[in-house]
């Protein structure tokens, strides 16, 4: 299994199903993720730094088996914003 890390861009859902197929670029490398793709969509936004592990397919697309967000996930950032809005509202 190969590993890479970099900046995420061009997140697109290619196929909607029980486990959606998601395409994204990682520093210019075309990547696909199906396993844990719903978690990926909740965790990762364009511009975030991530580390991925997987293999290249015959079309030279990197098929991601595992990923990890470097820093805070998208959902963590969104909860912080909501928390700050609630604090501002009640103080």
N, C-alpha and C. Protein backbone atom coordinates (compact mmCIF):
# COMPACT_ATOMS: atom_id res chain seq x y z
N UNK A 1 0.85 -1.18 0.00
CA UNK A 1 0.00 0.00 0.00
C UNK A 1 0.90 1.24 0.00
N UNK A 2 0.55 2.21 -0.85
CA UNK A 2 1.31 3.44 -0.94
C UNK A 2 0.63 4.53 -0.11
N UNK A 3 1.41 5.52 0.34
CA UNK A 3 0.85 6.63 1.10
C UNK A 3 1.23 7.95 0.45
N UNK A 4 0.36 8.94 0.62
CA UNK A 4 0.61 10.29 0.11
C UNK A 4 -0.02 11.26 1.09
N UNK A 5 0.48 12.49 1.07
CA UNK A 5 -0.23 13.53 1.81
C UNK A 5 -0.17 14.80 0.98
N UNK A 6 -1.19 15.66 1.19
CA UNK A 6 -1.25 16.88 0.42
C UNK A 6 -2.54 17.63 0.65
N UNK A 7 -2.80 18.58 -0.25
CA UNK A 7 -3.96 19.46 -0.16
C UNK A 7 -5.08 18.96 -1.08
N UNK A 8 -6.29 18.88 -0.54
CA UNK A 8 -7.45 18.36 -1.26
C UNK A 8 -8.08 19.46 -2.11
N UNK A 9 -8.47 19.10 -3.33
CA UNK A 9 -9.23 20.01 -4.19
C UNK A 9 -10.19 19.20 -5.05
N UNK A 10 -11.11 19.87 -5.70
CA UNK A 10 -12.05 19.27 -6.68
C UNK A 10 -12.80 18.05 -6.15
N UNK A 11 -13.44 18.17 -4.99
CA UNK A 11 -14.22 17.05 -4.45
C UNK A 11 -15.54 16.95 -5.24
N UNK A 12 -15.82 15.76 -5.78
CA UNK A 12 -17.05 15.53 -6.55
C UNK A 12 -17.61 14.15 -6.21
N UNK A 13 -18.93 14.05 -6.12
CA UNK A 13 -19.58 12.75 -5.95
C UNK A 13 -19.87 12.23 -7.35
N UNK A 14 -19.27 11.11 -7.71
CA UNK A 14 -19.44 10.54 -9.04
C UNK A 14 -20.66 9.64 -9.14
N UNK A 15 -20.95 8.91 -8.06
CA UNK A 15 -22.05 7.94 -8.10
C UNK A 15 -22.70 7.90 -6.72
N UNK A 16 -24.00 8.18 -6.70
CA UNK A 16 -24.75 8.11 -5.45
C UNK A 16 -25.28 6.70 -5.27
N UNK A 17 -24.95 6.12 -4.13
CA UNK A 17 -25.44 4.78 -3.79
C UNK A 17 -25.30 4.62 -2.29
N UNK A 18 -25.46 3.39 -1.82
CA UNK A 18 -25.30 3.13 -0.39
C UNK A 18 -23.91 3.57 0.08
N UNK A 19 -22.90 3.31 -0.73
CA UNK A 19 -21.56 3.84 -0.49
C UNK A 19 -21.17 4.66 -1.72
N UNK A 20 -21.35 6.00 -1.66
CA UNK A 20 -21.07 6.84 -2.83
C UNK A 20 -19.61 6.74 -3.29
N UNK A 21 -19.41 6.93 -4.57
CA UNK A 21 -18.06 7.00 -5.12
C UNK A 21 -17.69 8.47 -5.23
N UNK A 22 -16.61 8.85 -4.55
CA UNK A 22 -16.19 10.25 -4.48
C UNK A 22 -14.84 10.38 -5.16
N UNK A 23 -14.72 11.43 -5.96
CA UNK A 23 -13.47 11.75 -6.65
C UNK A 23 -12.93 13.06 -6.07
N UNK A 24 -11.62 13.13 -5.90
CA UNK A 24 -10.98 14.37 -5.48
C UNK A 24 -9.54 14.39 -5.99
N UNK A 25 -8.94 15.55 -5.94
CA UNK A 25 -7.53 15.67 -6.31
C UNK A 25 -6.73 15.92 -5.05
N UNK A 26 -5.57 15.32 -4.99
CA UNK A 26 -4.64 15.52 -3.88
C UNK A 26 -3.33 15.99 -4.50
N UNK A 27 -3.10 17.29 -4.42
CA UNK A 27 -1.93 17.91 -5.07
C UNK A 27 -1.80 17.47 -6.53
N UNK A 28 -2.92 17.49 -7.25
CA UNK A 28 -2.91 17.18 -8.68
C UNK A 28 -3.08 15.72 -9.03
N UNK A 29 -3.06 14.81 -8.06
CA UNK A 29 -3.25 13.38 -8.33
C UNK A 29 -4.74 13.05 -8.20
N UNK A 30 -5.31 12.40 -9.23
CA UNK A 30 -6.72 12.01 -9.19
C UNK A 30 -6.90 10.85 -8.22
N UNK A 31 -7.83 11.03 -7.27
CA UNK A 31 -8.08 10.01 -6.25
C UNK A 31 -9.55 9.62 -6.23
N UNK A 32 -9.82 8.37 -5.86
CA UNK A 32 -11.17 7.86 -5.70
C UNK A 32 -11.30 7.26 -4.31
N UNK A 33 -12.48 7.45 -3.70
CA UNK A 33 -12.74 6.80 -2.42
C UNK A 33 -14.19 6.32 -2.42
N UNK A 34 -14.38 5.05 -2.10
CA UNK A 34 -15.73 4.48 -1.95
C UNK A 34 -15.90 4.02 -0.50
N UNK A 35 -14.88 3.31 0.01
CA UNK A 35 -14.90 2.87 1.40
C UNK A 35 -14.80 4.09 2.31
N UNK A 36 -15.74 4.24 3.22
CA UNK A 36 -15.78 5.38 4.14
C UNK A 36 -16.01 6.72 3.44
N UNK A 37 -16.62 6.71 2.26
CA UNK A 37 -16.79 7.96 1.51
C UNK A 37 -17.75 8.94 2.20
N UNK A 38 -18.76 8.44 2.90
CA UNK A 38 -19.66 9.34 3.62
C UNK A 38 -18.92 10.04 4.76
N UNK A 39 -18.09 9.30 5.47
CA UNK A 39 -17.25 9.92 6.51
C UNK A 39 -16.30 10.93 5.89
N UNK A 40 -15.75 10.59 4.74
CA UNK A 40 -14.83 11.49 4.04
C UNK A 40 -15.52 12.81 3.72
N UNK A 41 -16.76 12.75 3.22
CA UNK A 41 -17.50 13.97 2.88
C UNK A 41 -17.80 14.81 4.13
N UNK A 42 -17.99 14.16 5.28
CA UNK A 42 -18.24 14.89 6.53
C UNK A 42 -16.95 15.48 7.11
N UNK A 43 -15.83 14.81 6.87
CA UNK A 43 -14.56 15.19 7.49
C UNK A 43 -13.73 16.18 6.67
N UNK A 44 -13.82 16.11 5.35
CA UNK A 44 -12.85 16.80 4.49
C UNK A 44 -13.53 17.86 3.62
N UNK A 45 -12.87 19.01 3.51
CA UNK A 45 -13.32 20.08 2.62
C UNK A 45 -12.14 20.48 1.74
N UNK A 46 -12.44 21.14 0.64
CA UNK A 46 -11.37 21.57 -0.25
C UNK A 46 -10.43 22.51 0.48
N UNK A 47 -9.14 22.34 0.25
CA UNK A 47 -8.12 23.15 0.90
C UNK A 47 -7.53 22.51 2.14
N UNK A 48 -8.13 21.42 2.62
CA UNK A 48 -7.61 20.75 3.82
C UNK A 48 -6.43 19.85 3.48
N UNK A 49 -5.58 19.63 4.47
CA UNK A 49 -4.44 18.73 4.34
C UNK A 49 -4.86 17.35 4.85
N UNK A 50 -4.60 16.31 4.05
CA UNK A 50 -4.89 14.94 4.48
C UNK A 50 -3.75 14.02 4.09
N UNK A 51 -3.72 12.86 4.74
CA UNK A 51 -2.82 11.77 4.38
C UNK A 51 -3.69 10.60 3.94
N UNK A 52 -3.30 9.92 2.86
CA UNK A 52 -4.08 8.80 2.34
C UNK A 52 -3.19 7.59 2.12
N UNK A 53 -3.82 6.42 2.16
CA UNK A 53 -3.13 5.17 1.85
C UNK A 53 -4.01 4.39 0.87
N UNK A 54 -3.38 3.78 -0.12
CA UNK A 54 -4.14 3.02 -1.11
C UNK A 54 -3.24 2.54 -2.22
N UNK A 55 -3.85 2.28 -3.37
CA UNK A 55 -3.13 1.76 -4.54
C UNK A 55 -3.63 2.45 -5.81
N UNK A 56 -2.80 2.48 -6.84
CA UNK A 56 -3.20 3.00 -8.14
C UNK A 56 -3.95 1.92 -8.90
N UNK A 57 -5.03 2.32 -9.61
CA UNK A 57 -5.74 1.38 -10.47
C UNK A 57 -5.17 1.45 -11.89
N UNK A 58 -5.78 0.73 -12.82
CA UNK A 58 -5.26 0.66 -14.20
C UNK A 58 -5.37 2.00 -14.92
N UNK A 59 -6.25 2.88 -14.47
CA UNK A 59 -6.39 4.21 -15.08
C UNK A 59 -5.50 5.26 -14.40
N UNK A 60 -4.57 4.79 -13.57
CA UNK A 60 -3.64 5.66 -12.84
C UNK A 60 -4.36 6.63 -11.89
N UNK A 61 -5.50 6.17 -11.35
CA UNK A 61 -6.20 6.91 -10.30
C UNK A 61 -5.82 6.25 -8.98
N UNK A 62 -5.59 7.06 -7.96
CA UNK A 62 -5.22 6.53 -6.65
C UNK A 62 -6.49 6.15 -5.91
N UNK A 63 -6.67 4.87 -5.63
CA UNK A 63 -7.85 4.35 -4.93
C UNK A 63 -7.54 4.34 -3.43
N UNK A 64 -8.23 5.20 -2.70
CA UNK A 64 -7.95 5.40 -1.27
C UNK A 64 -8.63 4.32 -0.45
N UNK A 65 -7.86 3.67 0.42
CA UNK A 65 -8.38 2.68 1.36
C UNK A 65 -8.52 3.29 2.76
N UNK A 66 -7.58 4.18 3.12
CA UNK A 66 -7.59 4.84 4.43
C UNK A 66 -7.24 6.30 4.22
N UNK A 67 -7.76 7.15 5.10
CA UNK A 67 -7.39 8.57 5.05
C UNK A 67 -7.35 9.10 6.47
N UNK A 68 -6.62 10.18 6.64
CA UNK A 68 -6.55 10.86 7.92
C UNK A 68 -6.41 12.36 7.67
N UNK A 69 -7.23 13.14 8.37
CA UNK A 69 -7.16 14.59 8.24
C UNK A 69 -6.03 15.11 9.11
N UNK A 70 -5.21 15.99 8.55
CA UNK A 70 -4.14 16.62 9.30
C UNK A 70 -4.72 17.92 9.86
N UNK A 71 -4.89 17.97 11.17
CA UNK A 71 -5.54 19.12 11.81
C UNK A 71 -6.99 18.79 12.12
N UNK A 72 -7.81 19.82 12.16
CA UNK A 72 -9.23 19.64 12.50
C UNK A 72 -10.04 19.21 11.29
N UNK A 73 -11.02 18.32 11.54
CA UNK A 73 -11.91 17.89 10.46
C UNK A 73 -12.97 18.97 10.20
N UNK A 74 -13.63 18.85 9.06
CA UNK A 74 -14.67 19.80 8.68
C UNK A 74 -15.79 19.85 9.72
N UNK A 75 -16.20 18.70 10.20
CA UNK A 75 -17.30 18.66 11.17
C UNK A 75 -16.88 19.28 12.51
N UNK A 76 -15.61 19.11 12.89
CA UNK A 76 -15.11 19.75 14.12
C UNK A 76 -15.15 21.28 13.98
N UNK A 77 -14.74 21.78 12.84
CA UNK A 77 -14.74 23.22 12.59
C UNK A 77 -16.17 23.76 12.61
N UNK A 78 -17.12 23.02 12.00
CA UNK A 78 -18.52 23.45 11.98
C UNK A 78 -19.11 23.48 13.39
N UNK A 79 -18.79 22.50 14.22
CA UNK A 79 -19.29 22.50 15.60
C UNK A 79 -18.71 23.66 16.40
N UNK A 80 -17.45 23.99 16.16
CA UNK A 80 -16.85 25.14 16.85
C UNK A 80 -17.57 26.44 16.48
N UNK A 81 -17.92 26.60 15.21
CA UNK A 81 -18.64 27.79 14.75
C UNK A 81 -20.00 27.86 15.42
N UNK A 82 -20.73 26.75 15.45
CA UNK A 82 -22.05 26.71 16.10
C UNK A 82 -21.91 27.04 17.58
N UNK A 83 -20.92 26.47 18.24
CA UNK A 83 -20.69 26.71 19.66
C UNK A 83 -20.41 28.19 19.92
N UNK A 84 -19.60 28.80 19.09
CA UNK A 84 -19.28 30.22 19.27
C UNK A 84 -20.51 31.10 19.03
N UNK A 85 -21.35 30.71 18.06
CA UNK A 85 -22.58 31.47 17.81
C UNK A 85 -23.52 31.38 19.00
N UNK A 86 -23.62 30.21 19.62
CA UNK A 86 -24.47 30.05 20.80
C UNK A 86 -23.94 30.85 21.98
N UNK A 87 -22.64 30.84 22.17
CA UNK A 87 -22.04 31.61 23.26
C UNK A 87 -22.30 33.10 23.04
N UNK A 88 -22.14 33.56 21.81
CA UNK A 88 -22.35 34.98 21.51
C UNK A 88 -23.83 35.36 21.71
N UNK A 89 -24.73 34.46 21.42
CA UNK A 89 -26.16 34.74 21.53
C UNK A 89 -26.60 34.89 22.98
N UNK A 90 -26.02 34.08 23.87
CA UNK A 90 -26.48 34.05 25.25
C UNK A 90 -25.60 34.83 26.22
N UNK A 91 -24.66 35.62 25.71
CA UNK A 91 -23.83 36.44 26.60
C UNK A 91 -23.94 37.89 26.24
